[in-house]
């Protein structure tokens, strides 16, 4: 579960539900993660990309292309080289291959990449809904 911090009172965070209820939901071998405001927003951007954008493209593709194909196509068509990080992998035979990843990309660059995707969606008729501002708002 994700519990956004509503406010800080007397140096303590407040949440939508009591902290004790949040902690009671923890299980052995689980984890608790603390995100900075930038990390939190960037994580939601990545979730939009992987959980909304790419699945919508796959669902509405008449050619039956896969998530992996659409991931590469979006990165190619939407200036992925400009916004995303490059990962290089060395192969056993001494050769290397690279790929673009959204992991570790800053909030600003993800915002710019998402804007490119929305723009390209309009231009090419891709069925990609923009991020929903109602879902982004912390209640």
Protein backbone atom coordinates (compact mmCIF):
# COMPACT_ATOMS: atom_id res chain seq x y z
CA UNK A 1 0.00 0.00 0.00
CA UNK A 2 1.00 3.60 -0.54
CA UNK A 3 0.23 6.18 2.15
CA UNK A 4 1.01 9.77 1.13
CA UNK A 5 2.07 12.10 3.93
CA UNK A 6 -0.78 14.60 4.47
CA UNK A 7 1.18 16.97 6.68
CA UNK A 8 3.89 17.23 9.33
CA UNK A 9 2.70 18.13 12.84
CA UNK A 10 5.20 18.47 15.70
CA UNK A 11 7.88 16.91 13.47
CA UNK A 12 5.69 13.82 12.89
CA UNK A 13 4.05 12.80 9.61
CA UNK A 14 0.27 12.45 9.44
CA UNK A 15 -1.50 10.07 7.07
CA UNK A 16 -5.04 9.37 5.91
CA UNK A 17 -5.13 6.44 8.35
CA UNK A 18 -3.46 6.18 11.77
CA UNK A 19 0.21 5.23 11.72
CA UNK A 20 -0.51 2.24 13.96
CA UNK A 21 -2.89 0.85 11.33
CA UNK A 22 -0.21 1.25 8.65
CA UNK A 23 2.40 -0.50 10.78
CA UNK A 24 -0.07 -3.27 11.72
CA UNK A 25 -0.28 -4.15 8.03
CA UNK A 26 3.41 -5.06 7.85
CA UNK A 27 4.30 -8.73 7.52
CA UNK A 28 7.51 -10.65 8.21
CA UNK A 29 9.80 -10.60 5.16
CA UNK A 30 7.94 -7.51 3.91
CA UNK A 31 9.39 -4.00 3.76
CA UNK A 32 8.59 -0.39 4.48
CA UNK A 33 9.86 2.18 1.96
CA UNK A 34 10.21 5.92 2.47
CA UNK A 35 10.08 8.08 -0.66
CA UNK A 36 11.10 11.72 -1.00
CA UNK A 37 8.50 13.95 -2.69
CA UNK A 38 10.43 13.75 -5.98
CA UNK A 39 10.81 9.96 -5.75
CA UNK A 40 7.10 9.61 -4.92
CA UNK A 41 5.99 11.63 -7.94
CA UNK A 42 8.48 9.94 -10.23
CA UNK A 43 7.28 6.50 -9.08
CA UNK A 44 3.70 7.45 -9.98
CA UNK A 45 4.92 8.64 -13.38
CA UNK A 46 6.62 5.29 -13.95
CA UNK A 47 3.44 3.49 -12.88
CA UNK A 48 1.46 5.53 -15.43
CA UNK A 49 3.94 4.57 -18.16
CA UNK A 50 4.07 0.85 -17.32
CA UNK A 51 0.50 0.47 -16.01
CA UNK A 52 -1.55 2.76 -18.26
CA UNK A 53 0.34 3.89 -21.35
CA UNK A 54 1.91 0.64 -22.54
CA UNK A 55 -1.07 -1.63 -21.66
CA UNK A 56 -3.44 0.73 -23.52
CA UNK A 57 -1.26 0.61 -26.61
CA UNK A 58 -1.15 -3.19 -26.48
CA UNK A 59 -4.90 -3.48 -25.88
CA UNK A 60 -5.74 -1.24 -28.84
CA UNK A 61 -3.13 -2.63 -31.25
CA UNK A 62 -4.73 -4.30 -34.27
CA UNK A 63 -1.43 -6.02 -35.17
CA UNK A 64 -1.10 -7.81 -31.82
CA UNK A 65 2.21 -6.26 -30.82
CA UNK A 66 3.55 -7.04 -27.34
CA UNK A 67 4.32 -4.83 -24.33
CA UNK A 68 8.03 -5.16 -25.07
CA UNK A 69 7.50 -4.03 -28.67
CA UNK A 70 5.42 -1.03 -27.62
CA UNK A 71 7.92 -0.11 -24.90
CA UNK A 72 10.67 0.08 -27.53
CA UNK A 73 8.42 1.86 -30.04
CA UNK A 74 7.34 4.55 -27.57
CA UNK A 75 10.93 5.15 -26.52
CA UNK A 76 11.96 5.37 -30.20
CA UNK A 77 9.10 7.61 -31.33
CA UNK A 78 9.10 9.90 -28.26
CA UNK A 79 12.77 10.93 -27.99
CA UNK A 80 13.71 8.34 -25.41
CA UNK A 81 17.41 9.03 -26.06
CA UNK A 82 16.85 12.60 -24.86
CA UNK A 83 14.98 11.79 -21.64
CA UNK A 84 15.80 8.28 -20.48
CA UNK A 85 18.83 6.55 -19.00
CA UNK A 86 21.02 4.22 -21.03
CA UNK A 87 22.01 0.88 -19.53
CA UNK A 88 24.92 -1.00 -21.07
CA UNK A 89 25.31 -4.75 -20.61
CA UNK A 90 28.53 -6.60 -21.34
CA UNK A 91 28.05 -10.02 -22.87
CA UNK A 92 30.25 -13.04 -22.26
CA UNK A 93 31.67 -12.80 -25.79
CA UNK A 94 33.03 -9.29 -25.13
CA UNK A 95 30.28 -7.47 -26.99
CA UNK A 96 27.98 -5.01 -25.31
CA UNK A 97 24.34 -4.12 -25.81
CA UNK A 98 22.38 -1.16 -24.55
CA UNK A 99 18.83 -0.29 -23.72
CA UNK A 100 16.87 2.73 -22.56
CA UNK A 101 15.23 2.57 -19.16
CA UNK A 102 12.86 4.78 -17.19
CA UNK A 103 14.36 3.52 -13.90
CA UNK A 104 16.18 6.30 -12.08
CA UNK A 105 14.99 9.06 -14.45
CA UNK A 106 14.29 12.40 -12.75
CA UNK A 107 10.80 13.78 -12.23
CA UNK A 108 11.43 16.59 -14.76
CA UNK A 109 12.69 14.24 -17.47
CA UNK A 110 9.79 11.82 -16.89
CA UNK A 111 7.37 14.75 -17.14
CA UNK A 112 8.96 15.80 -20.44
CA UNK A 113 8.89 12.20 -21.71
CA UNK A 114 5.20 11.86 -20.77
CA UNK A 115 4.43 15.13 -22.55
CA UNK A 116 6.18 13.75 -25.66
CA UNK A 117 4.10 10.57 -25.41
CA UNK A 118 0.83 12.52 -25.14
CA UNK A 119 1.82 14.73 -28.06
CA UNK A 120 2.82 11.74 -30.21
CA UNK A 121 -0.40 9.95 -29.20
CA UNK A 122 -2.44 12.82 -30.59
CA UNK A 123 -0.33 12.98 -33.75
CA UNK A 124 -0.39 9.23 -34.47
CA UNK A 125 -3.81 8.36 -33.05
CA UNK A 126 -2.47 6.20 -30.24
CA UNK A 127 -5.08 5.38 -27.61
CA UNK A 128 -3.21 6.70 -24.57
CA UNK A 129 -5.08 8.59 -21.86
CA UNK A 130 -3.10 11.35 -20.16
CA UNK A 131 -2.26 10.96 -16.48
CA UNK A 132 -5.39 11.62 -14.41
CA UNK A 133 -4.87 14.68 -12.23
CA UNK A 134 -7.60 13.48 -9.84
CA UNK A 135 -5.60 10.33 -9.17
CA UNK A 136 -2.43 12.35 -8.56
CA UNK A 137 -3.95 14.58 -5.93
CA UNK A 138 -3.23 13.58 -2.36
CA UNK A 139 -6.52 13.63 -0.46
